[in-house]
Amino acid sequence: MLLRLLLHLLLPQITDLIEELKKVRNSKILDGLRKVSGPITVKLNNLSASESNKIRLLFENSLNMWHQLTKVRLPPCCTVVTWTVK
C-alpha cells in the first residue's frame, strides 16, 4: 500500500525526468548531425535502438525529399549553375 502511494506520488516526477533526458539526448544528437557536411561517415556512440531509428528516419525522409526536389524541372531562367574547381 505504501509502495503504491509512493509510486503514485513520484510517477509524474519520474516521467518528467525521463522526458527531460530524452530532450537533452535528442539535442546532443541533432547538434552532432548539424556538423555533418559533405559525404562522410557519421559515428555516434552510445545510441539506443529508438534513437538510431529516429536518425535513420530523418535521413530517409531527407533523402526522399531530395529525390522529389531533383525531379522538378526548373525553367531556363531559374537553372542552377554549379562550378567544379580542380
PDB file of N, CA and C in Angstrom:
ATOM      1  N   MET A   1       0.827  -1.185   0.000  1.00  0.00           N
ATOM      2  CA  MET A   1       0.000   0.000   0.000  1.00  0.00           C
ATOM      3  C   MET A   1       0.878   1.258   0.000  1.00  0.00           C
ATOM      4  N   LEU A   2       1.914   1.261   0.842  1.00  0.00           N
ATOM      5  CA  LEU A   2       2.819   2.408   0.911  1.00  0.00           C
ATOM      6  C   LEU A   2       3.586   2.568  -0.390  1.00  0.00           C
ATOM      7  N   LEU A   3       4.015   1.441  -0.955  1.00  0.00           N
ATOM      8  CA  LEU A   3       4.736   1.480  -2.223  1.00  0.00           C
ATOM      9  C   LEU A   3       3.848   2.047  -3.332  1.00  0.00           C
ATOM     10  N   ARG A   4       2.619   1.641  -3.365  1.00  0.00           N
ATOM     11  CA  ARG A   4       1.684   2.135  -4.364  1.00  0.00           C
ATOM     12  C   ARG A   4       1.472   3.641  -4.206  1.00  0.00           C
ATOM     13  N   LEU A   5       1.381   4.121  -2.981  1.00  0.00           N
ATOM     14  CA  LEU A   5       1.209   5.546  -2.715  1.00  0.00           C
ATOM     15  C   LEU A   5       2.446   6.328  -3.152  1.00  0.00           C
ATOM     16  N   LEU A   6       3.627   5.814  -2.830  1.00  0.00           N
ATOM     17  CA  LEU A   6       4.870   6.469  -3.243  1.00  0.00           C
ATOM     18  C   LEU A   6       4.978   6.512  -4.765  1.00  0.00           C
ATOM     19  N   LEU A   7       4.656   5.420  -5.397  1.00  0.00           N
ATOM     20  CA  LEU A   7       4.718   5.362  -6.855  1.00  0.00           C
ATOM     21  C   LEU A   7       3.752   6.366  -7.470  1.00  0.00           C
ATOM     22  N   HIS A   8       2.572   6.465  -6.909  1.00  0.00           N
ATOM     23  CA  HIS A   8       1.576   7.417  -7.398  1.00  0.00           C
ATOM     24  C   HIS A   8       2.074   8.854  -7.246  1.00  0.00           C
ATOM     25  N   LEU A   9       2.768   9.134  -6.154  1.00  0.00           N
ATOM     26  CA  LEU A   9       3.264  10.490  -5.909  1.00  0.00           C
ATOM     27  C   LEU A   9       4.483  10.817  -6.759  1.00  0.00           C
ATOM     28  N   LEU A  10       5.323   9.830  -6.998  1.00  0.00           N
ATOM     29  CA  LEU A  10       6.582  10.074  -7.705  1.00  0.00           C
ATOM     30  C   LEU A  10       6.486   9.880  -9.212  1.00  0.00           C
ATOM     31  N   LEU A  11       5.463   9.212  -9.693  1.00  0.00           N
ATOM     32  CA  LEU A  11       5.363   8.907 -11.107  1.00  0.00           C
ATOM     33  C   LEU A  11       5.434  10.145 -12.005  1.00  0.00           C
ATOM     34  N   PRO A  12       4.714  11.234 -11.699  1.00  0.00           N
ATOM     35  CA  PRO A  12       4.842  12.421 -12.562  1.00  0.00           C
ATOM     36  C   PRO A  12       6.265  12.984 -12.590  1.00  0.00           C
ATOM     37  N   GLN A  13       6.948  12.962 -11.471  1.00  0.00           N
ATOM     38  CA  GLN A  13       8.321  13.468 -11.430  1.00  0.00           C
ATOM     39  C   GLN A  13       9.255  12.570 -12.236  1.00  0.00           C
ATOM     40  N   ILE A  14       9.063  11.273 -12.114  1.00  0.00           N
ATOM     41  CA  ILE A  14       9.896  10.327 -12.862  1.00  0.00           C
ATOM     42  C   ILE A  14       9.652  10.503 -14.367  1.00  0.00           C
ATOM     43  N   THR A  15       8.399  10.635 -14.752  1.00  0.00           N
ATOM     44  CA  THR A  15       8.064  10.839 -16.157  1.00  0.00           C
ATOM     45  C   THR A  15       8.684  12.124 -16.684  1.00  0.00           C
ATOM     46  N   ASP A  16       8.613  13.196 -15.900  1.00  0.00           N
ATOM     47  CA  ASP A  16       9.221  14.468 -16.303  1.00  0.00           C
ATOM     48  C   ASP A  16      10.730  14.339 -16.474  1.00  0.00           C
ATOM     49  N   LEU A  17      11.386  13.617 -15.561  1.00  0.00           N
ATOM     50  CA  LEU A  17      12.835  13.417 -15.668  1.00  0.00           C
ATOM     51  C   LEU A  17      13.200  12.632 -16.922  1.00  0.00           C
ATOM     52  N   ILE A  18      12.428  11.610 -17.220  1.00  0.00           N
ATOM     53  CA  ILE A  18      12.695  10.808 -18.421  1.00  0.00           C
ATOM     54  C   ILE A  18      12.524  11.671 -19.669  1.00  0.00           C
ATOM     55  N   GLU A  19      11.473  12.478 -19.721  1.00  0.00           N
ATOM     56  CA  GLU A  19      11.259  13.363 -20.866  1.00  0.00           C
ATOM     57  C   GLU A  19      12.394  14.376 -21.001  1.00  0.00           C
ATOM     58  N   GLU A  20      12.852  14.904 -19.889  1.00  0.00           N
ATOM     59  CA  GLU A  20      13.964  15.865 -19.921  1.00  0.00           C
ATOM     60  C   GLU A  20      15.242  15.199 -20.445  1.00  0.00           C
ATOM     61  N   LEU A  21      15.496  13.964 -20.019  1.00  0.00           N
ATOM     62  CA  LEU A  21      16.658  13.224 -20.525  1.00  0.00           C
ATOM     63  C   LEU A  21      16.548  12.992 -22.025  1.00  0.00           C
ATOM     64  N   LYS A  22      15.352  12.638 -22.500  1.00  0.00           N
ATOM     65  CA  LYS A  22      15.152  12.441 -23.940  1.00  0.00           C
ATOM     66  C   LYS A  22      15.450  13.728 -24.707  1.00  0.00           C
ATOM     67  N   LYS A  23      14.979  14.855 -24.195  1.00  0.00           N
ATOM     68  CA  LYS A  23      15.214  16.137 -24.863  1.00  0.00           C
ATOM     69  C   LYS A  23      16.699  16.463 -24.938  1.00  0.00           C
ATOM     70  N   VAL A  24      17.418  16.227 -23.836  1.00  0.00           N
ATOM     71  CA  VAL A  24      18.853  16.513 -23.808  1.00  0.00           C
ATOM     72  C   VAL A  24      19.590  15.621 -24.794  1.00  0.00           C
ATOM     73  N   ARG A  25      19.269  14.325 -24.800  1.00  0.00           N
ATOM     74  CA  ARG A  25      19.934  13.395 -25.724  1.00  0.00           C
ATOM     75  C   ARG A  25      19.626  13.743 -27.174  1.00  0.00           C
ATOM     76  N   ASN A  26      18.359  14.046 -27.467  1.00  0.00           N
ATOM     77  CA  ASN A  26      17.997  14.422 -28.835  1.00  0.00           C
ATOM     78  C   ASN A  26      18.719  15.687 -29.263  1.00  0.00           C
ATOM     79  N   SER A  27      18.848  16.632 -28.355  1.00  0.00           N
ATOM     80  CA  SER A  27      19.554  17.877 -28.662  1.00  0.00           C
ATOM     81  C   SER A  27      21.021  17.595 -29.000  1.00  0.00           C
ATOM     82  N   LYS A  28      21.656  16.743 -28.221  1.00  0.00           N
ATOM     83  CA  LYS A  28      23.057  16.393 -28.476  1.00  0.00           C
ATOM     84  C   LYS A  28      23.208  15.667 -29.813  1.00  0.00           C
ATOM     85  N   ILE A  29      22.274  14.774 -30.107  1.00  0.00           N
ATOM     86  CA  ILE A  29      22.331  14.040 -31.371  1.00  0.00           C
ATOM     87  C   ILE A  29      22.187  15.006 -32.541  1.00  0.00           C
ATOM     88  N   LEU A  30      21.196  15.900 -32.460  1.00  0.00           N
ATOM     89  CA  LEU A  30      20.974  16.854 -33.546  1.00  0.00           C
ATOM     90  C   LEU A  30      22.153  17.810 -33.704  1.00  0.00           C
ATOM     91  N   ASP A  31      22.761  18.219 -32.593  1.00  0.00           N
ATOM     92  CA  ASP A  31      23.956  19.068 -32.685  1.00  0.00           C
ATOM     93  C   ASP A  31      25.077  18.343 -33.426  1.00  0.00           C
ATOM     94  N   GLY A  32      25.251  17.058 -33.147  1.00  0.00           N
ATOM     95  CA  GLY A  32      26.271  16.270 -33.835  1.00  0.00           C
ATOM     96  C   GLY A  32      25.967  16.141 -35.317  1.00  0.00           C
ATOM     97  N   LEU A  33      24.696  15.956 -35.650  1.00  0.00           N
ATOM     98  CA  LEU A  33      24.322  15.806 -37.060  1.00  0.00           C
ATOM     99  C   LEU A  33      24.423  17.122 -37.816  1.00  0.00           C
ATOM    100  N   ARG A  34      24.237  18.243 -37.142  1.00  0.00           N
ATOM    101  CA  ARG A  34      24.349  19.548 -37.808  1.00  0.00           C
ATOM    102  C   ARG A  34      25.773  19.822 -38.273  1.00  0.00           C
ATOM    103  N   LYS A  35      26.733  19.177 -37.647  1.00  0.00           N
ATOM    104  CA  LYS A  35      28.130  19.383 -38.005  1.00  0.00           C
ATOM    105  C   LYS A  35      28.526  18.586 -39.253  1.00  0.00           C
ATOM    106  N   VAL A  36      27.637  17.712 -39.706  1.00  0.00           N
ATOM    107  CA  VAL A  36      27.916  16.883 -40.872  1.00  0.00           C
ATOM    108  C   VAL A  36      27.855  17.750 -42.121  1.00  0.00           C
ATOM    109  N   SER A  37      28.893  17.669 -42.922  1.00  0.00           N
ATOM    110  CA  SER A  37      28.884  18.365 -44.210  1.00  0.00           C
ATOM    111  C   SER A  37      29.675  17.531 -45.198  1.00  0.00           C
ATOM    112  N   GLY A  38      29.070  17.294 -46.313  1.00  0.00           N
ATOM    113  CA  GLY A  38      29.741  16.500 -47.328  1.00  0.00           C
ATOM    114  C   GLY A  38      29.575  15.014 -47.066  1.00  0.00           C
ATOM    115  N   PRO A  39      30.075  14.213 -47.978  1.00  0.00           N
ATOM    116  CA  PRO A  39      29.962  12.759 -47.836  1.00  0.00           C
ATOM    117  C   PRO A  39      30.963  12.229 -46.816  1.00  0.00           C
ATOM    118  N   ILE A  40      30.502  11.956 -45.630  1.00  0.00           N
ATOM    119  CA  ILE A  40      31.363  11.413 -44.587  1.00  0.00           C
ATOM    120  C   ILE A  40      30.621  10.290 -43.877  1.00  0.00           C
ATOM    121  N   THR A  41      31.344   9.558 -43.082  1.00  0.00           N
ATOM    122  CA  THR A  41      30.735   8.539 -42.247  1.00  0.00           C
ATOM    123  C   THR A  41      30.422   9.156 -40.894  1.00  0.00           C
ATOM    124  N   VAL A  42      29.200   8.976 -40.464  1.00  0.00           N
ATOM    125  CA  VAL A  42      28.770   9.531 -39.187  1.00  0.00           C
ATOM    126  C   VAL A  42      28.966   8.478 -38.114  1.00  0.00           C
ATOM    127  N   LYS A  43      29.620   8.857 -37.022  1.00  0.00           N
ATOM    128  CA  LYS A  43      29.818   7.937 -35.917  1.00  0.00           C
ATOM    129  C   LYS A  43      29.249   8.579 -34.656  1.00  0.00           C
ATOM    130  N   LEU A  44      28.187   7.996 -34.144  1.00  0.00           N
ATOM    131  CA  LEU A  44      27.565   8.472 -32.916  1.00  0.00           C
ATOM    132  C   LEU A  44      27.569   7.309 -31.931  1.00  0.00           C
ATOM    133  N   ASN A  45      28.222   7.499 -30.822  1.00  0.00           N
ATOM    134  CA  ASN A  45      28.364   6.434 -29.831  1.00  0.00           C
ATOM    135  C   ASN A  45      27.194   6.414 -28.851  1.00  0.00           C
ATOM    136  N   ASN A  46      26.963   5.269 -28.267  1.00  0.00           N
ATOM    137  CA  ASN A  46      26.003   5.080 -27.181  1.00  0.00           C
ATOM    138  C   ASN A  46      24.580   5.482 -27.536  1.00  0.00           C
ATOM    139  N   LEU A  47      24.136   5.145 -28.734  1.00  0.00           N
ATOM    140  CA  LEU A  47      22.756   5.418 -29.127  1.00  0.00           C
ATOM    141  C   LEU A  47      21.892   4.209 -28.816  1.00  0.00           C
ATOM    142  N   SER A  48      20.685   4.476 -28.356  1.00  0.00           N
ATOM    143  CA  SER A  48      19.739   3.380 -28.161  1.00  0.00           C
ATOM    144  C   SER A  48      19.127   3.031 -29.517  1.00  0.00           C
ATOM    145  N   ALA A  49      18.427   1.922 -29.564  1.00  0.00           N
ATOM    146  CA  ALA A  49      17.793   1.499 -30.817  1.00  0.00           C
ATOM    147  C   ALA A  49      16.762   2.524 -31.267  1.00  0.00           C
ATOM    148  N   SER A  50      15.992   3.053 -30.335  1.00  0.00           N
ATOM    149  CA  SER A  50      14.965   4.028 -30.725  1.00  0.00           C
ATOM    150  C   SER A  50      15.597   5.314 -31.231  1.00  0.00           C
ATOM    151  N   GLU A  51      16.730   5.719 -30.657  1.00  0.00           N
ATOM    152  CA  GLU A  51      17.416   6.928 -31.124  1.00  0.00           C
ATOM    153  C   GLU A  51      17.993   6.720 -32.523  1.00  0.00           C
ATOM    154  N   SER A  52      18.570   5.536 -32.772  1.00  0.00           N
ATOM    155  CA  SER A  52      19.099   5.309 -34.117  1.00  0.00           C
ATOM    156  C   SER A  52      17.984   5.200 -35.141  1.00  0.00           C
ATOM    157  N   ASN A  53      16.825   4.693 -34.748  1.00  0.00           N
ATOM    158  CA  ASN A  53      15.698   4.652 -35.675  1.00  0.00           C
ATOM    159  C   ASN A  53      15.211   6.057 -36.022  1.00  0.00           C
ATOM    160  N   LYS A  54      15.223   6.961 -35.042  1.00  0.00           N
ATOM    161  CA  LYS A  54      14.833   8.348 -35.320  1.00  0.00           C
ATOM    162  C   LYS A  54      15.773   8.964 -36.351  1.00  0.00           C
ATOM    163  N   ILE A  55      17.061   8.735 -36.175  1.00  0.00           N
ATOM    164  CA  ILE A  55      18.050   9.287 -37.099  1.00  0.00           C
ATOM    165  C   ILE A  55      17.892   8.659 -38.480  1.00  0.00           C
ATOM    166  N   ARG A  56      17.690   7.346 -38.505  1.00  0.00           N
ATOM    167  CA  ARG A  56      17.505   6.657 -39.784  1.00  0.00           C
ATOM    168  C   ARG A  56      16.297   7.225 -40.520  1.00  0.00           C
ATOM    169  N   LEU A  57      15.200   7.443 -39.797  1.00  0.00           N
ATOM    170  CA  LEU A  57      14.005   8.017 -40.421  1.00  0.00           C
ATOM    171  C   LEU A  57      14.260   9.439 -40.893  1.00  0.00           C
ATOM    172  N   LEU A  58      15.029  10.201 -40.121  1.00  0.00           N
ATOM    173  CA  LEU A  58      15.362  11.567 -40.527  1.00  0.00           C
ATOM    174  C   LEU A  58      16.125  11.555 -41.848  1.00  0.00           C
ATOM    175  N   PHE A  59      17.140  10.699 -41.953  1.00  0.00           N
ATOM    176  CA  PHE A  59      17.920  10.607 -43.188  1.00  0.00           C
ATOM    177  C   PHE A  59      17.071  10.080 -44.341  1.00  0.00           C
ATOM    178  N   GLU A  60      16.242   9.089 -44.048  1.00  0.00           N
ATOM    179  CA  GLU A  60      15.400   8.524 -45.095  1.00  0.00           C
ATOM    180  C   GLU A  60      14.425   9.575 -45.634  1.00  0.00           C
ATOM    181  N   ASN A  61      13.780  10.313 -44.742  1.00  0.00           N
ATOM    182  CA  ASN A  61      12.848  11.359 -45.170  1.00  0.00           C
ATOM    183  C   ASN A  61      13.570  12.468 -45.926  1.00  0.00           C
ATOM    184  N   SER A  62      14.755  12.828 -45.465  1.00  0.00           N
ATOM    185  CA  SER A  62      15.532  13.864 -46.147  1.00  0.00           C
ATOM    186  C   SER A  62      15.929  13.405 -47.544  1.00  0.00           C
ATOM    187  N   LEU A  63      16.348  12.164 -47.660  1.00  0.00           N
ATOM    188  CA  LEU A  63      16.741  11.635 -48.966  1.00  0.00           C
ATOM    189  C   LEU A  63      15.542  11.562 -49.907  1.00  0.00           C
ATOM    190  N   ASN A  64      14.397  11.152 -49.381  1.00  0.00           N
ATOM    191  CA  ASN A  64      13.184  11.118 -50.203  1.00  0.00           C
ATOM    192  C   ASN A  64      12.820  12.515 -50.695  1.00  0.00           C
ATOM    193  N   MET A  65      12.936  13.505 -49.819  1.00  0.00           N
ATOM    194  CA  MET A  65      12.640  14.883 -50.208  1.00  0.00           C
ATOM    195  C   MET A  65      13.629  15.348 -51.277  1.00  0.00           C
ATOM    196  N   TRP A  66      14.899  14.998 -51.110  1.00  0.00           N
ATOM    197  CA  TRP A  66      15.921  15.363 -52.100  1.00  0.00           C
ATOM    198  C   TRP A  66      15.575  14.776 -53.465  1.00  0.00           C
ATOM    199  N   HIS A  67      15.182  13.497 -53.476  1.00  0.00           N
ATOM    200  CA  HIS A  67      14.813  12.858 -54.740  1.00  0.00           C
ATOM    201  C   HIS A  67      13.611  13.553 -55.384  1.00  0.00           C
ATOM    202  N   GLN A  68      12.640  13.945 -54.578  1.00  0.00           N
ATOM    203  CA  GLN A  68      11.477  14.651 -55.120  1.00  0.00           C
ATOM    204  C   GLN A  68      11.882  15.998 -55.698  1.00  0.00           C
ATOM    205  N   LEU A  69      12.757  16.701 -54.996  1.00  0.00           N
ATOM    206  CA  LEU A  69      13.180  18.024 -55.462  1.00  0.00           C
ATOM    207  C   LEU A  69      14.016  17.944 -56.729  1.00  0.00           C
ATOM    208  N   THR A  70      14.821  16.896 -56.862  1.00  0.00           N
ATOM    209  CA  THR A  70      15.662  16.791 -58.055  1.00  0.00           C
ATOM    210  C   THR A  70      14.859  16.380 -59.286  1.00  0.00           C
ATOM    211  N   LYS A  71      13.653  15.873 -59.097  1.00  0.00           N
ATOM    212  CA  LYS A  71      12.795  15.509 -60.229  1.00  0.00           C
ATOM    213  C   LYS A  71      12.098  16.735 -60.816  1.00  0.00           C
ATOM    214  N   VAL A  72      12.043  17.814 -60.072  1.00  0.00           N
ATOM    215  CA  VAL A  72      11.354  19.023 -60.531  1.00  0.00           C
ATOM    216  C   VAL A  72      12.198  19.687 -61.611  1.00  0.00           C
ATOM    217  N   ARG A  73      11.586  19.987 -62.729  1.00  0.00           N
ATOM    218  CA  ARG A  73      12.277  20.668 -63.831  1.00  0.00           C
ATOM    219  C   ARG A  73      12.138  22.174 -63.642  1.00  0.00           C
ATOM    220  N   LEU A  74      13.265  22.858 -63.591  1.00  0.00           N
ATOM    221  CA  LEU A  74      13.245  24.312 -63.456  1.00  0.00           C
ATOM    222  C   LEU A  74      13.186  24.947 -64.842  1.00  0.00           C
ATOM    223  N   PRO A  75      12.489  26.075 -64.955  1.00  0.00           N
ATOM    224  CA  PRO A  75      12.512  26.792 -66.236  1.00  0.00           C
ATOM    225  C   PRO A  75      13.926  27.327 -66.496  1.00  0.00           C
ATOM    226  N   PRO A  76      14.278  27.613 -67.757  1.00  0.00           N
ATOM    227  CA  PRO A  76      15.644  28.046 -68.089  1.00  0.00           C
ATOM    228  C   PRO A  76      16.116  29.258 -67.281  1.00  0.00           C
ATOM    229  N   CYS A  77      15.206  30.153 -66.925  1.00  0.00           N
ATOM    230  CA  CYS A  77      15.632  31.342 -66.186  1.00  0.00           C
ATOM    231  C   CYS A  77      16.038  31.016 -64.754  1.00  0.00           C
ATOM    232  N   CYS A  78      15.663  29.849 -64.258  1.00  0.00           N
ATOM    233  CA  CYS A  78      15.937  29.500 -62.864  1.00  0.00           C
ATOM    234  C   CYS A  78      16.947  28.379 -62.727  1.00  0.00           C
ATOM    235  N   THR A  79      17.587  27.999 -63.810  1.00  0.00           N
ATOM    236  CA  THR A  79      18.524  26.892 -63.772  1.00  0.00           C
ATOM    237  C   THR A  79      19.715  27.235 -62.887  1.00  0.00           C
ATOM    238  N   VAL A  80      20.089  26.289 -62.062  1.00  0.00           N
ATOM    239  CA  VAL A  80      21.210  26.474 -61.157  1.00  0.00           C
ATOM    240  C   VAL A  80      22.483  26.019 -61.855  1.00  0.00           C
ATOM    241  N   VAL A  81      23.513  26.841 -61.818  1.00  0.00           N
ATOM    242  CA  VAL A  81      24.794  26.504 -62.430  1.00  0.00           C
ATOM    243  C   VAL A  81      25.772  26.191 -61.322  1.00  0.00           C
ATOM    244  N   THR A  82      26.458  25.075 -61.453  1.00  0.00           N
ATOM    245  CA  THR A  82      27.474  24.711 -60.474  1.00  0.00           C
ATOM    246  C   THR A  82      28.830  24.658 -61.146  1.00  0.00           C
ATOM    247  N   TRP A  83      29.832  25.013 -60.392  1.00  0.00           N
ATOM    248  CA  TRP A  83      31.208  25.039 -60.905  1.00  0.00           C
ATOM    249  C   TRP A  83      32.022  24.037 -60.140  1.00  0.00           C
ATOM    250  N   THR A  84      32.872  23.311 -60.838  1.00  0.00           N
ATOM    251  CA  THR A  84      33.774  22.372 -60.197  1.00  0.00           C
ATOM    252  C   THR A  84      35.187  22.897 -60.379  1.00  0.00           C
ATOM    253  N   VAL A  85      35.888  23.050 -59.250  1.00  0.00           N
ATOM    254  CA  VAL A  85      37.269  23.531 -59.283  1.00  0.00           C
ATOM    255  C   VAL A  85      38.194  22.363 -59.018  1.00  0.00           C
ATOM    256  N   LYS A  86      39.168  22.168 -59.910  1.00  0.00           N
ATOM    257  CA  LYS A  86      40.109  21.045 -59.733  1.00  0.00           C
ATOM    258  C   LYS A  86      41.486  21.576 -59.431  1.00  0.00           C
TER     259      LYS A  86
END
